[in-house]
Amino acid sequence: MAFFLEYVVPPVDGGEIAVPLQDHPEPTLPLSETEVPVVDAAALPVRSAVLASSVGEAKTAAEEVIASSKAVEATLFDDPAGSLDAGSGRIVAVFRENDGWSVS
């Protein structure tokens, strides 16, 4: 099984997220202190692989990702094709902050 988690990273304090348009030469420097071109986004959509052998394990691993991302909602997909395309695969569960997981 190949599981993928899709969620949206919200901006901090209602601001925007600065996304570098090329590799950042010094990963320890803030983007504002470099000449790397950036684009500001209101939110950042993410699709990431979740390593697990069952839906239950995938949910547990996904909860750790969700907690560190500050996302309030996420969708867990089973995608045997292993695609990084948004929405690819079969939805197996949806997570909502305060409600937990629901089966789709």
PDB file of N, CA and C in Angstrom:
ATOM      1  N   MET A   1       0.848  -1.177   0.000  1.00  0.00           N
ATOM      2  CA  MET A   1       0.000   0.000   0.000  1.00  0.00           C
ATOM      3  C   MET A   1       0.895   1.243   0.000  1.00  0.00           C
ATOM      4  N   ALA A   2       0.457   2.257  -0.707  1.00  0.00           N
ATOM      5  CA  ALA A   2       1.174   3.526  -0.748  1.00  0.00           C
ATOM      6  C   ALA A   2       0.228   4.610  -0.254  1.00  0.00           C
ATOM      7  N   PHE A   3       0.559   5.193   0.875  1.00  0.00           N
ATOM      8  CA  PHE A   3      -0.297   6.217   1.458  1.00  0.00           C
ATOM      9  C   PHE A   3       0.304   7.605   1.245  1.00  0.00           C
ATOM     10  N   PHE A   4      -0.589   8.557   1.011  1.00  0.00           N
ATOM     11  CA  PHE A   4      -0.184   9.943   0.844  1.00  0.00           C
ATOM     12  C   PHE A   4      -1.124  10.820   1.646  1.00  0.00           C
ATOM     13  N   LEU A   5      -0.566  11.859   2.240  1.00  0.00           N
ATOM     14  CA  LEU A   5      -1.331  12.798   3.043  1.00  0.00           C
ATOM     15  C   LEU A   5      -1.330  14.146   2.335  1.00  0.00           C
ATOM     16  N   GLU A   6      -2.522  14.710   2.158  1.00  0.00           N
ATOM     17  CA  GLU A   6      -2.636  16.047   1.578  1.00  0.00           C
ATOM     18  C   GLU A   6      -3.216  16.984   2.621  1.00  0.00           C
ATOM     19  N   TYR A   7      -2.584  18.158   2.738  1.00  0.00           N
ATOM     20  CA  TYR A   7      -3.043  19.159   3.688  1.00  0.00           C
ATOM     21  C   TYR A   7      -2.559  20.527   3.221  1.00  0.00           C
ATOM     22  N   VAL A   8      -3.019  21.553   3.898  1.00  0.00           N
ATOM     23  CA  VAL A   8      -2.605  22.916   3.564  1.00  0.00           C
ATOM     24  C   VAL A   8      -1.920  23.513   4.779  1.00  0.00           C
ATOM     25  N   VAL A   9      -0.716  24.016   4.586  1.00  0.00           N
ATOM     26  CA  VAL A   9       0.014  24.692   5.654  1.00  0.00           C
ATOM     27  C   VAL A   9      -0.476  26.136   5.697  1.00  0.00           C
ATOM     28  N   PRO A  10      -1.087  26.525   6.805  1.00  0.00           N
ATOM     29  CA  PRO A  10      -1.586  27.908   6.892  1.00  0.00           C
ATOM     30  C   PRO A  10      -0.449  28.875   7.210  1.00  0.00           C
ATOM     31  N   PRO A  11      -0.596  30.128   6.812  1.00  0.00           N
ATOM     32  CA  PRO A  11       0.430  31.115   7.151  1.00  0.00           C
ATOM     33  C   PRO A  11       0.410  31.412   8.652  1.00  0.00           C
ATOM     34  N   VAL A  12       1.522  31.865   9.173  1.00  0.00           N
ATOM     35  CA  VAL A  12       1.625  32.204  10.583  1.00  0.00           C
ATOM     36  C   VAL A  12       1.000  33.581  10.823  1.00  0.00           C
ATOM     37  N   ASP A  13       0.147  33.669  11.799  1.00  0.00           N
ATOM     38  CA  ASP A  13      -0.478  34.935  12.204  1.00  0.00           C
ATOM     39  C   ASP A  13      -1.151  35.676  11.052  1.00  0.00           C
ATOM     40  N   GLY A  14      -1.772  34.944  10.137  1.00  0.00           N
ATOM     41  CA  GLY A  14      -2.511  35.577   9.049  1.00  0.00           C
ATOM     42  C   GLY A  14      -1.637  36.215   7.986  1.00  0.00           C
ATOM     43  N   GLY A  15      -0.337  35.988   8.043  1.00  0.00           N
ATOM     44  CA  GLY A  15       0.573  36.567   7.051  1.00  0.00           C
ATOM     45  C   GLY A  15       0.639  35.717   5.803  1.00  0.00           C
ATOM     46  N   GLU A  16       1.776  35.739   5.160  1.00  0.00           N
ATOM     47  CA  GLU A  16       1.984  34.940   3.965  1.00  0.00           C
ATOM     48  C   GLU A  16       3.207  34.064   4.161  1.00  0.00           C
ATOM     49  N   ILE A  17       3.334  33.050   3.321  1.00  0.00           N
ATOM     50  CA  ILE A  17       4.462  32.129   3.370  1.00  0.00           C
ATOM     51  C   ILE A  17       5.404  32.480   2.225  1.00  0.00           C
ATOM     52  N   ALA A  18       6.676  32.724   2.541  1.00  0.00           N
ATOM     53  CA  ALA A  18       7.673  33.017   1.511  1.00  0.00           C
ATOM     54  C   ALA A  18       8.250  31.701   1.012  1.00  0.00           C
ATOM     55  N   VAL A  19       8.076  31.432  -0.272  1.00  0.00           N
ATOM     56  CA  VAL A  19       8.562  30.195  -0.876  1.00  0.00           C
ATOM     57  C   VAL A  19       9.709  30.542  -1.818  1.00  0.00           C
ATOM     58  N   PRO A  20      10.921  29.988  -1.580  1.00  0.00           N
ATOM     59  CA  PRO A  20      12.046  30.294  -2.472  1.00  0.00           C
ATOM     60  C   PRO A  20      11.823  29.702  -3.853  1.00  0.00           C
ATOM     61  N   LEU A  21      12.235  30.441  -4.882  1.00  0.00           N
ATOM     62  CA  LEU A  21      12.084  29.980  -6.257  1.00  0.00           C
ATOM     63  C   LEU A  21      13.307  29.230  -6.758  1.00  0.00           C
ATOM     64  N   GLN A  22      14.319  29.118  -5.925  1.00  0.00           N
ATOM     65  CA  GLN A  22      15.507  28.334  -6.258  1.00  0.00           C
ATOM     66  C   GLN A  22      16.102  27.827  -4.961  1.00  0.00           C
ATOM     67  N   ASP A  23      17.106  26.977  -5.065  1.00  0.00           N
ATOM     68  CA  ASP A  23      17.734  26.449  -3.860  1.00  0.00           C
ATOM     69  C   ASP A  23      18.298  27.581  -3.018  1.00  0.00           C
ATOM     70  N   HIS A  24      18.107  27.469  -1.735  1.00  0.00           N
ATOM     71  CA  HIS A  24      18.619  28.452  -0.779  1.00  0.00           C
ATOM     72  C   HIS A  24      20.077  28.098  -0.481  1.00  0.00           C
ATOM     73  N   PRO A  25      21.028  29.010  -0.757  1.00  0.00           N
ATOM     74  CA  PRO A  25      22.445  28.665  -0.603  1.00  0.00           C
ATOM     75  C   PRO A  25      22.864  28.428   0.854  1.00  0.00           C
ATOM     76  N   GLU A  26      22.250  29.073   1.783  1.00  0.00           N
ATOM     77  CA  GLU A  26      22.592  28.948   3.204  1.00  0.00           C
ATOM     78  C   GLU A  26      21.339  28.580   3.982  1.00  0.00           C
ATOM     79  N   PRO A  27      21.127  27.295   4.258  1.00  0.00           N
ATOM     80  CA  PRO A  27      19.873  26.879   4.896  1.00  0.00           C
ATOM     81  C   PRO A  27      19.661  27.438   6.297  1.00  0.00           C
ATOM     82  N   THR A  28      20.708  28.007   6.912  1.00  0.00           N
ATOM     83  CA  THR A  28      20.534  28.543   8.265  1.00  0.00           C
ATOM     84  C   THR A  28      20.215  30.029   8.278  1.00  0.00           C
ATOM     85  N   LEU A  29      20.230  30.673   7.117  1.00  0.00           N
ATOM     86  CA  LEU A  29      19.910  32.099   7.053  1.00  0.00           C
ATOM     87  C   LEU A  29      18.436  32.303   6.716  1.00  0.00           C
ATOM     88  N   PRO A  30      17.788  33.292   7.326  1.00  0.00           N
ATOM     89  CA  PRO A  30      16.415  33.609   6.932  1.00  0.00           C
ATOM     90  C   PRO A  30      16.385  34.074   5.482  1.00  0.00           C
ATOM     91  N   LEU A  31      15.316  33.761   4.773  1.00  0.00           N
ATOM     92  CA  LEU A  31      15.207  34.175   3.373  1.00  0.00           C
ATOM     93  C   LEU A  31      15.353  35.680   3.212  1.00  0.00           C
ATOM     94  N   SER A  32      14.892  36.437   4.203  1.00  0.00           N
ATOM     95  CA  SER A  32      14.964  37.900   4.115  1.00  0.00           C
ATOM     96  C   SER A  32      16.398  38.413   4.087  1.00  0.00           C
ATOM     97  N   GLU A  33      17.360  37.582   4.475  1.00  0.00           N
ATOM     98  CA  GLU A  33      18.765  37.991   4.488  1.00  0.00           C
ATOM     99  C   GLU A  33      19.541  37.460   3.288  1.00  0.00           C
ATOM    100  N   THR A  34      18.830  36.949   2.298  1.00  0.00           N
ATOM    101  CA  THR A  34      19.482  36.442   1.092  1.00  0.00           C
ATOM    102  C   THR A  34      18.909  37.163  -0.121  1.00  0.00           C
ATOM    103  N   GLU A  35      19.514  36.905  -1.264  1.00  0.00           N
ATOM    104  CA  GLU A  35      19.012  37.477  -2.503  1.00  0.00           C
ATOM    105  C   GLU A  35      18.212  36.453  -3.306  1.00  0.00           C
ATOM    106  N   VAL A  36      17.828  35.360  -2.677  1.00  0.00           N
ATOM    107  CA  VAL A  36      17.054  34.320  -3.346  1.00  0.00           C
ATOM    108  C   VAL A  36      15.662  34.867  -3.660  1.00  0.00           C
ATOM    109  N   PRO A  37      15.230  34.779  -4.919  1.00  0.00           N
ATOM    110  CA  PRO A  37      13.882  35.261  -5.252  1.00  0.00           C
ATOM    111  C   PRO A  37      12.825  34.381  -4.582  1.00  0.00           C
ATOM    112  N   VAL A  38      11.773  35.006  -4.081  1.00  0.00           N
ATOM    113  CA  VAL A  38      10.700  34.282  -3.400  1.00  0.00           C
ATOM    114  C   VAL A  38       9.354  34.705  -3.962  1.00  0.00           C
ATOM    115  N   VAL A  39       8.368  33.864  -3.741  1.00  0.00           N
ATOM    116  CA  VAL A  39       6.987  34.212  -4.043  1.00  0.00           C
ATOM    117  C   VAL A  39       6.221  34.067  -2.735  1.00  0.00           C
ATOM    118  N   ASP A  40       5.330  34.990  -2.457  1.00  0.00           N
ATOM    119  CA  ASP A  40       4.527  34.930  -1.241  1.00  0.00           C
ATOM    120  C   ASP A  40       3.227  34.202  -1.536  1.00  0.00           C
ATOM    121  N   ALA A  41       2.872  33.272  -0.680  1.00  0.00           N
ATOM    122  CA  ALA A  41       1.650  32.491  -0.855  1.00  0.00           C
ATOM    123  C   ALA A  41       0.781  32.632   0.390  1.00  0.00           C
ATOM    124  N   ALA A  42      -0.526  32.643   0.184  1.00  0.00           N
ATOM    125  CA  ALA A  42      -1.451  32.723   1.311  1.00  0.00           C
ATOM    126  C   ALA A  42      -1.458  31.415   2.093  1.00  0.00           C
ATOM    127  N   ALA A  43      -1.199  30.310   1.423  1.00  0.00           N
ATOM    128  CA  ALA A  43      -1.136  28.994   2.049  1.00  0.00           C
ATOM    129  C   ALA A  43      -0.308  28.083   1.150  1.00  0.00           C
ATOM    130  N   LEU A  44       0.155  26.982   1.706  1.00  0.00           N
ATOM    131  CA  LEU A  44       1.021  26.090   0.951  1.00  0.00           C
ATOM    132  C   LEU A  44       0.424  24.679   0.913  1.00  0.00           C
ATOM    133  N   PRO A  45      -0.067  24.240  -0.262  1.00  0.00           N
ATOM    134  CA  PRO A  45      -0.604  22.877  -0.348  1.00  0.00           C
ATOM    135  C   PRO A  45       0.541  21.860  -0.366  1.00  0.00           C
ATOM    136  N   VAL A  46       0.326  20.741   0.334  1.00  0.00           N
ATOM    137  CA  VAL A  46       1.360  19.723   0.460  1.00  0.00           C
ATOM    138  C   VAL A  46       0.763  18.344   0.202  1.00  0.00           C
ATOM    139  N   ARG A  47       1.514  17.500  -0.487  1.00  0.00           N
ATOM    140  CA  ARG A  47       1.184  16.071  -0.620  1.00  0.00           C
ATOM    141  C   ARG A  47       2.452  15.327  -0.268  1.00  0.00           C
ATOM    142  N   SER A  48       2.396  14.537   0.791  1.00  0.00           N
ATOM    143  CA  SER A  48       3.599  13.829   1.203  1.00  0.00           C
ATOM    144  C   SER A  48       3.303  12.359   1.443  1.00  0.00           C
ATOM    145  N   ALA A  49       4.301  11.529   1.213  1.00  0.00           N
ATOM    146  CA  ALA A  49       4.177  10.093   1.417  1.00  0.00           C
ATOM    147  C   ALA A  49       4.145   9.799   2.907  1.00  0.00           C
ATOM    148  N   VAL A  50       3.368   8.780   3.276  1.00  0.00           N
ATOM    149  CA  VAL A  50       3.291   8.310   4.653  1.00  0.00           C
ATOM    150  C   VAL A  50       3.689   6.839   4.633  1.00  0.00           C
ATOM    151  N   LEU A  51       4.753   6.506   5.347  1.00  0.00           N
ATOM    152  CA  LEU A  51       5.230   5.128   5.363  1.00  0.00           C
ATOM    153  C   LEU A  51       4.436   4.317   6.376  1.00  0.00           C
ATOM    154  N   ALA A  52       3.678   3.343   5.878  1.00  0.00           N
ATOM    155  CA  ALA A  52       2.861   2.495   6.738  1.00  0.00           C
ATOM    156  C   ALA A  52       2.414   1.270   5.953  1.00  0.00           C
ATOM    157  N   SER A  53       2.055   0.209   6.688  1.00  0.00           N
ATOM    158  CA  SER A  53       1.600  -1.011   6.028  1.00  0.00           C
ATOM    159  C   SER A  53       0.095  -1.223   6.175  1.00  0.00           C
ATOM    160  N   SER A  54      -0.572  -0.339   6.915  1.00  0.00           N
ATOM    161  CA  SER A  54      -2.024  -0.433   7.078  1.00  0.00           C
ATOM    162  C   SER A  54      -2.603   0.966   7.234  1.00  0.00           C
ATOM    163  N   VAL A  55      -3.911   1.072   7.081  1.00  0.00           N
ATOM    164  CA  VAL A  55      -4.572   2.367   7.241  1.00  0.00           C
ATOM    165  C   VAL A  55      -4.366   2.885   8.664  1.00  0.00           C
ATOM    166  N   GLY A  56      -4.469   2.007   9.648  1.00  0.00           N
ATOM    167  CA  GLY A  56      -4.269   2.416  11.043  1.00  0.00           C
ATOM    168  C   GLY A  56      -2.889   3.000  11.283  1.00  0.00           C
ATOM    169  N   GLU A  57      -1.860   2.331  10.779  1.00  0.00           N
ATOM    170  CA  GLU A  57      -0.493   2.842  10.909  1.00  0.00           C
ATOM    171  C   GLU A  57      -0.331   4.158  10.165  1.00  0.00           C
ATOM    172  N   ALA A  58      -0.951   4.266   9.001  1.00  0.00           N
ATOM    173  CA  ALA A  58      -0.863   5.498   8.211  1.00  0.00           C
ATOM    174  C   ALA A  58      -1.503   6.661   8.958  1.00  0.00           C
ATOM    175  N   LYS A  59      -2.628   6.427   9.612  1.00  0.00           N
ATOM    176  CA  LYS A  59      -3.299   7.481  10.385  1.00  0.00           C
ATOM    177  C   LYS A  59      -2.412   7.960  11.530  1.00  0.00           C
ATOM    178  N   THR A  60      -1.795   7.004  12.228  1.00  0.00           N
ATOM    179  CA  THR A  60      -0.914   7.359  13.344  1.00  0.00           C
ATOM    180  C   THR A  60       0.262   8.198  12.860  1.00  0.00           C
ATOM    181  N   ALA A  61       0.898   7.770  11.786  1.00  0.00           N
ATOM    182  CA  ALA A  61       2.032   8.525  11.232  1.00  0.00           C
ATOM    183  C   ALA A  61       1.577   9.884  10.719  1.00  0.00           C
ATOM    184  N   ALA A  62       0.411   9.929  10.095  1.00  0.00           N
ATOM    185  CA  ALA A  62      -0.109  11.181   9.546  1.00  0.00           C
ATOM    186  C   ALA A  62      -0.411  12.189  10.647  1.00  0.00           C
ATOM    187  N   GLU A  63      -0.881  11.713  11.800  1.00  0.00           N
ATOM    188  CA  GLU A  63      -1.182  12.629  12.904  1.00  0.00           C
ATOM    189  C   GLU A  63       0.057  13.382  13.363  1.00  0.00           C
ATOM    190  N   GLU A  64       1.209  12.731  13.333  1.00  0.00           N
ATOM    191  CA  GLU A  64       2.457  13.401  13.701  1.00  0.00           C
ATOM    192  C   GLU A  64       2.790  14.502  12.697  1.00  0.00           C
ATOM    193  N   VAL A  65       2.585  14.218  11.423  1.00  0.00           N
ATOM    194  CA  VAL A  65       2.838  15.211  10.375  1.00  0.00           C
ATOM    195  C   VAL A  65       1.874  16.389  10.530  1.00  0.00           C
ATOM    196  N   ILE A  66       0.612  16.082  10.742  1.00  0.00           N
ATOM    197  CA  ILE A  66      -0.409  17.124  10.873  1.00  0.00           C
ATOM    198  C   ILE A  66      -0.101  18.021  12.064  1.00  0.00           C
ATOM    199  N   ALA A  67       0.264  17.437  13.189  1.00  0.00           N
ATOM    200  CA  ALA A  67       0.553  18.222  14.392  1.00  0.00           C
ATOM    201  C   ALA A  67       1.705  19.197  14.175  1.00  0.00           C
ATOM    202  N   SER A  68       2.741  18.755  13.471  1.00  0.00           N
ATOM    203  CA  SER A  68       3.885  19.648  13.255  1.00  0.00           C
ATOM    204  C   SER A  68       3.643  20.649  12.133  1.00  0.00           C
ATOM    205  N   SER A  69       2.636  20.409  11.286  1.00  0.00           N
ATOM    206  CA  SER A  69       2.380  21.304  10.157  1.00  0.00           C
ATOM    207  C   SER A  69       1.440  22.448  10.496  1.00  0.00           C
ATOM    208  N   LYS A  70       0.710  22.323  11.595  1.00  0.00           N
ATOM    209  CA  LYS A  70      -0.305  23.288  12.014  1.00  0.00           C
ATOM    210  C   LYS A  70      -1.531  23.293  11.098  1.00  0.00           C
ATOM    211  N   ALA A  71      -1.657  22.260  10.265  1.00  0.00           N
ATOM    212  CA  ALA A  71      -2.839  22.126   9.409  1.00  0.00           C
ATOM    213  C   ALA A  71      -4.046  21.785  10.278  1.00  0.00           C
ATOM    214  N   VAL A  72      -5.228  22.212   9.865  1.00  0.00           N
ATOM    215  CA  VAL A  72      -6.446  21.918  10.611  1.00  0.00           C
ATOM    216  C   VAL A  72      -7.272  20.819   9.951  1.00  0.00           C
ATOM    217  N   GLU A  73      -6.899  20.455   8.728  1.00  0.00           N
ATOM    218  CA  GLU A  73      -7.600  19.405   8.003  1.00  0.00           C
ATOM    219  C   GLU A  73      -6.607  18.712   7.074  1.00  0.00           C
ATOM    220  N   ALA A  74      -6.797  17.413   6.902  1.00  0.00           N
ATOM    221  CA  ALA A  74      -5.920  16.645   6.004  1.00  0.00           C
ATOM    222  C   ALA A  74      -6.688  15.464   5.442  1.00  0.00           C
ATOM    223  N   THR A  75      -6.275  15.022   4.271  1.00  0.00           N
ATOM    224  CA  THR A  75      -6.899  13.877   3.614  1.00  0.00           C
ATOM    225  C   THR A  75      -5.843  12.813   3.377  1.00  0.00           C
ATOM    226  N   LEU A  76      -6.178  11.568   3.752  1.00  0.00           N
ATOM    227  CA  LEU A  76      -5.271  10.444   3.588  1.00  0.00           C
ATOM    228  C   LEU A  76      -5.722   9.624   2.384  1.00  0.00           C
ATOM    229  N   PHE A  77      -4.799   9.398   1.458  1.00  0.00           N
ATOM    230  CA  PHE A  77      -5.081   8.660   0.230  1.00  0.00           C
ATOM    231  C   PHE A  77      -4.324   7.341   0.214  1.00  0.00           C
ATOM    232  N   ASP A  78      -4.931   6.315  -0.358  1.00  0.00           N
ATOM    233  CA  ASP A  78      -4.241   5.087  -0.728  1.00  0.00           C
ATOM    234  C   ASP A  78      -4.024   5.197  -2.232  1.00  0.00           C
ATOM    235  N   ASP A  79      -2.769   5.283  -2.641  1.00  0.00           N
ATOM    236  CA  ASP A  79      -2.468   5.495  -4.058  1.00  0.00           C
ATOM    237  C   ASP A  79      -1.397   4.506  -4.513  1.00  0.00           C
ATOM    238  N   PRO A  80      -1.828   3.334  -4.998  1.00  0.00           N
ATOM    239  CA  PRO A  80      -0.866   2.328  -5.448  1.00  0.00           C
ATOM    240  C   PRO A  80       0.070   2.824  -6.550  1.00  0.00           C
ATOM    241  N   ALA A  81      -0.358   3.835  -7.300  1.00  0.00           N
ATOM    242  CA  ALA A  81       0.489   4.378  -8.368  1.00  0.00           C
ATOM    243  C   ALA A  81       1.643   5.209  -7.811  1.00  0.00           C
ATOM    244  N   GLY A  82       1.534   5.634  -6.550  1.00  0.00           N
ATOM    245  CA  GLY A  82       2.598   6.432  -5.944  1.00  0.00           C
ATOM    246  C   GLY A  82       2.745   7.805  -6.558  1.00  0.00           C
ATOM    247  N   SER A  83       1.667   8.371  -7.056  1.00  0.00           N
ATOM    248  CA  SER A  83       1.705   9.660  -7.735  1.00  0.00           C
ATOM    249  C   SER A  83       1.839  10.825  -6.748  1.00  0.00           C
ATOM    250  N   LEU A  84       2.545  11.851  -7.163  1.00  0.00           N
ATOM    251  CA  LEU A  84       2.625  13.072  -6.369  1.00  0.00           C
ATOM    252  C   LEU A  84       1.585  14.100  -6.807  1.00  0.00           C
ATOM    253  N   ASP A  85       0.705  13.709  -7.741  1.00  0.00           N
ATOM    254  CA  ASP A  85      -0.353  14.606  -8.200  1.00  0.00           C
ATOM    255  C   ASP A  85      -1.436  14.731  -7.135  1.00  0.00           C
ATOM    256  N   ALA A  86      -1.854  15.946  -6.863  1.00  0.00           N
ATOM    257  CA  ALA A  86      -2.904  16.198  -5.868  1.00  0.00           C
ATOM    258  C   ALA A  86      -4.171  15.429  -6.224  1.00  0.00           C
ATOM    259  N   GLY A  87      -4.768  14.795  -5.225  1.00  0.00           N
ATOM    260  CA  GLY A  87      -6.021  14.089  -5.416  1.00  0.00           C
ATOM    261  C   GLY A  87      -5.894  12.711  -6.023  1.00  0.00           C
ATOM    262  N   SER A  88      -4.677  12.259  -6.288  1.00  0.00           N
ATOM    263  CA  SER A  88      -4.491  10.956  -6.909  1.00  0.00           C
ATOM    264  C   SER A  88      -4.697   9.846  -5.883  1.00  0.00           C
ATOM    265  N   GLY A  89      -5.419   8.815  -6.268  1.00  0.00           N
ATOM    266  CA  GLY A  89      -5.655   7.677  -5.394  1.00  0.00           C
ATOM    267  C   GLY A  89      -7.056   7.680  -4.808  1.00  0.00           C
ATOM    268  N   ARG A  90      -7.263   6.772  -3.846  1.00  0.00           N
ATOM    269  CA  ARG A  90      -8.571   6.619  -3.202  1.00  0.00           C
ATOM    270  C   ARG A  90      -8.493   7.210  -1.797  1.00  0.00           C
ATOM    271  N   ILE A  91      -9.432   8.095  -1.471  1.00  0.00           N
ATOM    272  CA  ILE A  91      -9.478   8.684  -0.137  1.00  0.00           C
ATOM    273  C   ILE A  91      -9.872   7.595   0.858  1.00  0.00           C
ATOM    274  N   VAL A  92      -9.056   7.413   1.902  1.00  0.00           N
ATOM    275  CA  VAL A  92      -9.369   6.413   2.921  1.00  0.00           C
ATOM    276  C   VAL A  92      -9.803   7.044   4.244  1.00  0.00           C
ATOM    277  N   ALA A  93      -9.423   8.305   4.473  1.00  0.00           N
ATOM    278  CA  ALA A  93      -9.825   8.978   5.706  1.00  0.00           C
ATOM    279  C   ALA A  93      -9.568  10.476   5.591  1.00  0.00           C
ATOM    280  N   VAL A  94     -10.338  11.227   6.369  1.00  0.00           N
ATOM    281  CA  VAL A  94     -10.182  12.677   6.424  1.00  0.00           C
ATOM    282  C   VAL A  94     -10.017  13.071   7.890  1.00  0.00           C
ATOM    283  N   PHE A  95      -9.019  13.912   8.174  1.00  0.00           N
ATOM    284  CA  PHE A  95      -8.761  14.375   9.532  1.00  0.00           C
ATOM    285  C   PHE A  95      -9.194  15.825   9.658  1.00  0.00           C
ATOM    286  N   ARG A  96      -9.928  16.125  10.713  1.00  0.00           N
ATOM    287  CA  ARG A  96     -10.314  17.501  11.024  1.00  0.00           C
ATOM    288  C   ARG A  96      -9.952  17.780  12.481  1.00  0.00           C
ATOM    289  N   GLU A  97      -9.317  18.922  12.697  1.00  0.00           N
ATOM    290  CA  GLU A  97      -8.952  19.311  14.047  1.00  0.00           C
ATOM    291  C   GLU A  97     -10.196  19.297  14.935  1.00  0.00           C
ATOM    292  N   ASN A  98     -10.077  18.807  16.128  1.00  0.00           N
ATOM    293  CA  ASN A  98     -11.153  18.688  17.123  1.00  0.00           C
ATOM    294  C   ASN A  98     -12.121  17.544  16.843  1.00  0.00           C
ATOM    295  N   ASP A  99     -12.158  17.012  15.620  1.00  0.00           N
ATOM    296  CA  ASP A  99     -13.062  15.904  15.308  1.00  0.00           C
ATOM    297  C   ASP A  99     -12.318  14.587  15.088  1.00  0.00           C
ATOM    298  N   GLY A 100     -11.033  14.662  14.769  1.00  0.00           N
ATOM    299  CA  GLY A 100     -10.255  13.455  14.498  1.00  0.00           C
ATOM    300  C   GLY A 100     -10.526  12.913  13.100  1.00  0.00           C
ATOM    301  N   TRP A 101     -10.397  11.609  12.963  1.00  0.00           N
ATOM    302  CA  TRP A 101     -10.524  10.946  11.658  1.00  0.00           C
ATOM    303  C   TRP A 101     -11.950  10.560  11.376  1.00  0.00           C
ATOM    304  N   SER A 102     -12.345  10.682  10.133  1.00  0.00           N
ATOM    305  CA  SER A 102     -13.600  10.126   9.651  1.00  0.00           C
ATOM    306  C   SER A 102     -13.286   9.339   8.393  1.00  0.00           C
ATOM    307  N   VAL A 103     -14.033   8.294   8.174  1.00  0.00           N
ATOM    308  CA  VAL A 103     -13.819   7.451   7.004  1.00  0.00           C
ATOM    309  C   VAL A 103     -14.617   8.019   5.862  1.00  0.00           C
ATOM    310  N   SER A 104     -13.976   8.128   4.721  1.00  0.00           N
ATOM    311  CA  SER A 104     -14.643   8.711   3.569  1.00  0.00           C
ATOM    312  C   SER A 104     -15.352   7.636   2.777  1.00  0.00           C
TER     313      SER A 104
END
